[in-house]
């Protein structure tokens, strides 16, 4: 066979082989992507460690339609209360642990929708964990309930790792975050009314002020009393409130409004921005 004809035959065989090996779109037998994994919800308790209120919160979220794999991580171990509040070195170690937990989930499949929630002192661990994430790793939403952080703590480094919104619920009727934090200090060591009582305020020297566009500040609504949230330190952890208010907020970004007993809820987009 002449060299030119031989070259043509070889080229035809290569093209035929390539055509035979092409994958049909959506053909799972040829390596099409599987469906995205189930969302993952990681909750961090306050300085009291994991309690029944952490269970009622997560149960309410699931009942309200947050279809996610739920994990409650007790960063306090057995050293709870004021010991957990003052354990500054442990705060940083535990933030590293949580950051690695989130990163592992993200690396396993970047399509995973990761929700991070924290109650009271747990919001500090959540924020410090977000600050430690690699640049490309992000959570879908952050939920901060009765945050024991100081109001002017710069959230922007943490918010860089939130793809959607960061919801911060606060109540002026929370005594723990008033008298308590003025006397013993916030989780970040400031003796003041905590953000869970007065809301977060963007500091003048925020590293990245634009990130505060992701912050949704939500003050206490007396209509929530009928949902077992009376505005105290554990009010936002109650199952009916989590089911009827927090779950729709995470799923749709819409805050349901309750006008009072016997009325049906209405909805409105949650207000965005710092106080």
Protein backbone atom coordinates (compact mmCIF):
# COMPACT_ATOMS: atom_id res chain seq x y z
CA UNK A 1 0.00 0.00 0.00
CA UNK A 2 1.31 3.40 -0.98
CA UNK A 3 2.32 5.73 1.91
CA UNK A 4 -0.29 8.35 1.00
CA UNK A 5 -3.11 5.78 0.90
CA UNK A 6 -1.89 4.27 4.19
CA UNK A 7 -2.01 7.69 5.89
CA UNK A 8 -5.59 8.24 4.69
CA UNK A 9 -6.69 4.85 6.05
CA UNK A 10 -5.14 5.51 9.44
CA UNK A 11 -6.84 8.94 9.63
CA UNK A 12 -10.21 7.37 8.78
CA UNK A 13 -9.79 4.75 11.51
CA UNK A 14 -8.94 7.43 14.10
CA UNK A 15 -12.00 9.52 13.15
CA UNK A 16 -14.26 6.47 13.30
CA UNK A 17 -12.93 5.56 16.72
CA UNK A 18 -13.54 9.07 18.03
CA UNK A 19 -17.10 9.07 16.71
CA UNK A 20 -17.78 5.70 18.33
CA UNK A 21 -16.46 6.95 21.68
CA UNK A 22 -18.63 10.08 21.85
CA UNK A 23 -20.93 10.29 24.90
CA UNK A 24 -24.61 10.92 24.40
CA UNK A 25 -25.80 13.92 26.45
CA UNK A 26 -27.34 12.76 29.70
CA UNK A 27 -26.18 9.16 29.22
CA UNK A 28 -25.27 8.01 32.76
CA UNK A 29 -23.55 4.94 31.31
CA UNK A 30 -20.93 7.23 29.83
CA UNK A 31 -20.16 9.31 32.91
CA UNK A 32 -22.90 11.96 32.99
CA UNK A 33 -22.99 13.89 36.27
CA UNK A 34 -25.26 12.45 38.98
CA UNK A 35 -27.89 14.67 40.62
CA UNK A 36 -26.50 17.18 43.14
CA UNK A 37 -26.19 15.88 46.70
CA UNK A 38 -28.71 16.65 49.40
CA UNK A 39 -28.15 20.05 51.04
CA UNK A 40 -26.19 20.09 54.29
CA UNK A 41 -27.18 22.08 57.38
CA UNK A 42 -24.52 22.54 60.06
CA UNK A 43 -25.69 24.07 63.36
CA UNK A 44 -23.46 25.38 66.15
CA UNK A 45 -24.97 25.68 69.67
CA UNK A 46 -24.25 28.41 72.20
CA UNK A 47 -21.88 28.25 75.18
CA UNK A 48 -24.27 25.90 76.99
CA UNK A 49 -23.44 23.16 74.51
CA UNK A 50 -25.96 21.07 72.63
CA UNK A 51 -29.37 21.28 74.28
CA UNK A 52 -32.97 20.43 73.44
CA UNK A 53 -33.39 23.88 71.90
CA UNK A 54 -30.85 22.98 69.23
CA UNK A 55 -32.96 19.94 68.40
CA UNK A 56 -36.18 21.95 68.26
CA UNK A 57 -34.54 24.45 65.91
CA UNK A 58 -33.27 21.87 63.45
CA UNK A 59 -36.47 19.82 63.65
CA UNK A 60 -38.51 22.93 62.90
CA UNK A 61 -36.33 23.79 59.91
CA UNK A 62 -36.79 20.31 58.46
CA UNK A 63 -40.53 20.37 59.14
CA UNK A 64 -40.68 23.72 57.37
CA UNK A 65 -39.24 22.27 54.18
CA UNK A 66 -35.47 22.62 54.56
CA UNK A 67 -34.71 19.22 53.06
CA UNK A 68 -31.14 18.83 54.25
CA UNK A 69 -28.80 16.49 56.04
CA UNK A 70 -28.56 18.01 59.51
CA UNK A 71 -25.55 17.98 61.81
CA UNK A 72 -25.26 19.68 65.20
CA UNK A 73 -21.64 20.20 66.16
CA UNK A 74 -21.04 20.87 69.87
CA UNK A 75 -17.86 22.91 69.89
CA UNK A 76 -17.95 23.31 73.71
CA UNK A 77 -17.22 19.64 74.45
CA UNK A 78 -17.87 19.16 78.19
CA UNK A 79 -16.56 22.57 79.26
CA UNK A 80 -19.72 24.66 79.01
CA UNK A 81 -20.95 28.02 80.30
CA UNK A 82 -18.53 30.80 81.21
CA UNK A 83 -15.60 28.45 80.69
CA UNK A 84 -16.66 28.08 77.06
CA UNK A 85 -17.18 31.84 76.77
CA UNK A 86 -13.65 32.64 77.91
CA UNK A 87 -11.82 29.81 76.11
CA UNK A 88 -10.29 32.09 73.47
CA UNK A 89 -7.73 29.56 72.22
CA UNK A 90 -10.39 26.88 71.94
CA UNK A 91 -12.58 29.25 69.94
CA UNK A 92 -9.89 29.43 67.28
CA UNK A 93 -9.21 25.69 67.32
CA UNK A 94 -12.91 24.92 66.98
CA UNK A 95 -13.29 27.46 64.21
CA UNK A 96 -10.55 25.56 62.36
CA UNK A 97 -12.46 22.30 62.90
CA UNK A 98 -15.69 23.77 61.54
CA UNK A 99 -13.89 25.31 58.57
CA UNK A 100 -12.46 21.89 57.69
CA UNK A 101 -15.92 20.29 58.02
CA UNK A 102 -17.36 22.80 55.57
CA UNK A 103 -14.41 22.52 53.18
CA UNK A 104 -14.67 18.71 53.06
CA UNK A 105 -18.34 18.94 52.10
CA UNK A 106 -17.64 21.55 49.45
CA UNK A 107 -14.69 19.67 47.96
CA UNK A 108 -16.69 16.41 47.79
CA UNK A 109 -19.15 18.19 45.48
CA UNK A 110 -19.10 21.99 44.98
CA UNK A 111 -22.79 21.83 44.03
CA UNK A 112 -23.73 21.04 47.64
CA UNK A 113 -25.90 23.76 49.17
CA UNK A 114 -24.40 24.32 52.63
CA UNK A 115 -26.40 26.13 55.30
CA UNK A 116 -24.60 27.30 58.44
CA UNK A 117 -26.49 28.33 61.58
CA UNK A 118 -25.36 29.40 65.02
CA UNK A 119 -27.02 30.34 68.28
CA UNK A 120 -25.58 32.88 70.73
CA UNK A 121 -21.86 32.14 71.18
CA UNK A 122 -22.04 29.64 68.33
CA UNK A 123 -22.35 32.55 65.90
CA UNK A 124 -18.81 33.54 66.81
CA UNK A 125 -17.48 30.09 65.93
CA UNK A 126 -19.47 30.24 62.68
CA UNK A 127 -18.04 33.62 61.66
CA UNK A 128 -14.46 32.67 62.53
CA UNK A 129 -14.86 29.41 60.61
CA UNK A 130 -16.06 31.27 57.51
CA UNK A 131 -13.07 33.59 57.73
CA UNK A 132 -10.77 30.54 57.56
CA UNK A 133 -12.28 28.98 54.43
CA UNK A 134 -10.23 28.78 51.21
CA UNK A 135 -11.12 31.60 48.79
CA UNK A 136 -13.36 29.46 46.57
CA UNK A 137 -15.31 27.71 49.34
CA UNK A 138 -18.73 29.20 50.12
CA UNK A 139 -21.87 28.39 52.07
CA UNK A 140 -25.31 29.11 50.69
CA UNK A 141 -26.70 31.00 53.69
CA UNK A 142 -25.72 31.96 57.23
CA UNK A 143 -28.29 32.08 60.04
CA UNK A 144 -27.29 33.97 63.21
CA UNK A 145 -29.75 33.61 66.08
CA UNK A 146 -29.36 35.78 69.21
CA UNK A 147 -25.74 36.42 68.32
CA UNK A 148 -23.37 36.93 71.24
CA UNK A 149 -20.89 38.81 69.04
CA UNK A 150 -20.20 42.50 69.58
CA UNK A 151 -22.33 44.72 67.30
CA UNK A 152 -19.45 46.35 65.41
CA UNK A 153 -17.46 43.19 64.74
CA UNK A 154 -16.43 43.32 61.06
CA UNK A 155 -18.50 40.67 59.28
CA UNK A 156 -17.09 41.33 55.82
CA UNK A 157 -14.29 38.70 55.83
CA UNK A 158 -16.84 36.03 56.79
CA UNK A 159 -19.52 37.29 54.39
CA UNK A 160 -17.12 36.83 51.47
CA UNK A 161 -17.81 33.13 51.92
CA UNK A 162 -21.61 33.44 51.87
CA UNK A 163 -23.11 32.99 48.44
CA UNK A 164 -26.59 34.20 49.35
CA UNK A 165 -27.67 36.04 52.49
CA UNK A 166 -26.64 36.19 56.14
CA UNK A 167 -29.70 36.50 58.37
CA UNK A 168 -29.17 38.04 61.81
CA UNK A 169 -32.11 37.95 64.23
CA UNK A 170 -32.05 40.29 67.22
CA UNK A 171 -34.40 41.22 70.06
CA UNK A 172 -34.26 44.10 72.58
CA UNK A 173 -35.95 41.79 75.10
CA UNK A 174 -33.02 39.36 75.31
CA UNK A 175 -31.62 39.77 78.86
CA UNK A 176 -28.67 37.44 78.32
CA UNK A 177 -27.28 39.68 75.59
CA UNK A 178 -27.86 42.84 77.63
CA UNK A 179 -26.97 42.51 81.30
CA UNK A 180 -25.16 39.26 80.64
CA UNK A 181 -22.74 40.43 77.98
CA UNK A 182 -22.24 43.83 79.59
CA UNK A 183 -21.07 42.00 82.71
CA UNK A 184 -19.24 38.97 81.28
CA UNK A 185 -18.47 40.06 77.74
CA UNK A 186 -19.42 38.90 74.27
CA UNK A 187 -17.92 35.80 72.68
CA UNK A 188 -15.32 38.08 71.04
CA UNK A 189 -14.45 39.68 74.40
CA UNK A 190 -16.28 43.03 74.44
CA UNK A 191 -18.39 44.13 77.41
CA UNK A 192 -21.43 45.60 75.64
CA UNK A 193 -24.95 44.80 74.52
CA UNK A 194 -24.46 42.04 71.96
CA UNK A 195 -25.54 42.06 68.32
CA UNK A 196 -28.36 39.64 69.13
CA UNK A 197 -29.92 42.40 71.21
CA UNK A 198 -29.22 45.56 69.19
CA UNK A 199 -28.29 44.27 65.73
CA UNK A 200 -25.01 44.44 63.81
CA UNK A 201 -23.60 47.80 62.72
CA UNK A 202 -21.15 48.12 59.85
CA UNK A 203 -17.87 49.42 61.30
CA UNK A 204 -16.35 52.51 59.63
CA UNK A 205 -13.21 50.57 58.72
CA UNK A 206 -14.82 47.38 57.41
CA UNK A 207 -12.39 45.42 55.25
CA UNK A 208 -14.93 45.01 52.45
CA UNK A 209 -18.02 47.20 53.05
CA UNK A 210 -19.83 45.81 50.00
CA UNK A 211 -20.18 42.48 51.73
CA UNK A 212 -22.69 44.04 54.13
CA UNK A 213 -25.19 44.02 51.25
CA UNK A 214 -25.61 40.33 52.11
CA UNK A 215 -26.60 41.05 55.72
CA UNK A 216 -30.32 40.82 56.48
CA UNK A 217 -31.08 42.31 59.90
CA UNK A 218 -34.37 41.06 61.38
CA UNK A 219 -35.75 42.58 64.57
CA UNK A 220 -38.21 40.89 66.91
CA UNK A 221 -41.88 40.97 65.89
CA UNK A 222 -44.45 40.62 68.72
CA UNK A 223 -46.63 38.59 66.34
CA UNK A 224 -44.07 35.81 66.75
CA UNK A 225 -45.25 35.21 70.31
CA UNK A 226 -47.93 32.87 69.01
CA UNK A 227 -45.11 30.86 67.43
CA UNK A 228 -43.47 30.40 70.87
CA UNK A 229 -40.88 33.10 70.24
CA UNK A 230 -41.32 35.67 73.03
CA UNK A 231 -38.17 37.58 72.16
CA UNK A 232 -35.94 36.08 74.84
CA UNK A 233 -32.60 34.35 74.33
CA UNK A 234 -34.07 31.05 73.15
CA UNK A 235 -37.16 32.39 71.38
CA UNK A 236 -35.80 31.97 67.83
CA UNK A 237 -34.92 28.35 68.62
CA UNK A 238 -38.52 27.25 69.14
CA UNK A 239 -39.88 24.64 66.74
CA UNK A 240 -43.01 26.55 65.56
CA UNK A 241 -40.95 29.67 64.85
CA UNK A 242 -38.28 27.70 63.01
CA UNK A 243 -40.93 25.90 60.98
CA UNK A 244 -43.09 28.89 60.08
CA UNK A 245 -40.53 31.71 59.79
CA UNK A 246 -36.93 30.51 59.56
CA UNK A 247 -37.46 27.61 57.16
CA UNK A 248 -39.28 29.70 54.51
CA UNK A 249 -36.63 32.40 54.96
CA UNK A 250 -33.82 29.96 54.16
CA UNK A 251 -35.72 28.34 51.30
CA UNK A 252 -37.02 31.45 49.55
CA UNK A 253 -35.42 34.53 51.11
CA UNK A 254 -38.90 35.76 52.03
CA UNK A 255 -39.88 36.71 55.58
CA UNK A 256 -43.39 35.63 56.55
CA UNK A 257 -45.40 38.18 58.50
CA UNK A 258 -47.93 37.28 61.18
CA UNK A 259 -50.44 39.98 62.10
CA UNK A 260 -51.64 38.16 65.22
CA UNK A 261 -53.71 35.27 66.48
CA UNK A 262 -56.20 33.89 63.97
CA UNK A 263 -54.64 35.61 60.96
CA UNK A 264 -52.92 34.07 57.97
CA UNK A 265 -49.26 34.92 57.32
CA UNK A 266 -48.24 37.28 54.55
CA UNK A 267 -44.80 37.51 53.00
CA UNK A 268 -42.32 40.19 52.05
CA UNK A 269 -38.67 40.16 50.94
CA UNK A 270 -36.38 40.38 53.96
CA UNK A 271 -34.78 43.81 54.30
CA UNK A 272 -31.08 43.82 53.44
CA UNK A 273 -28.30 45.87 54.94
CA UNK A 274 -26.67 46.91 58.19
CA UNK A 275 -28.43 48.99 60.77
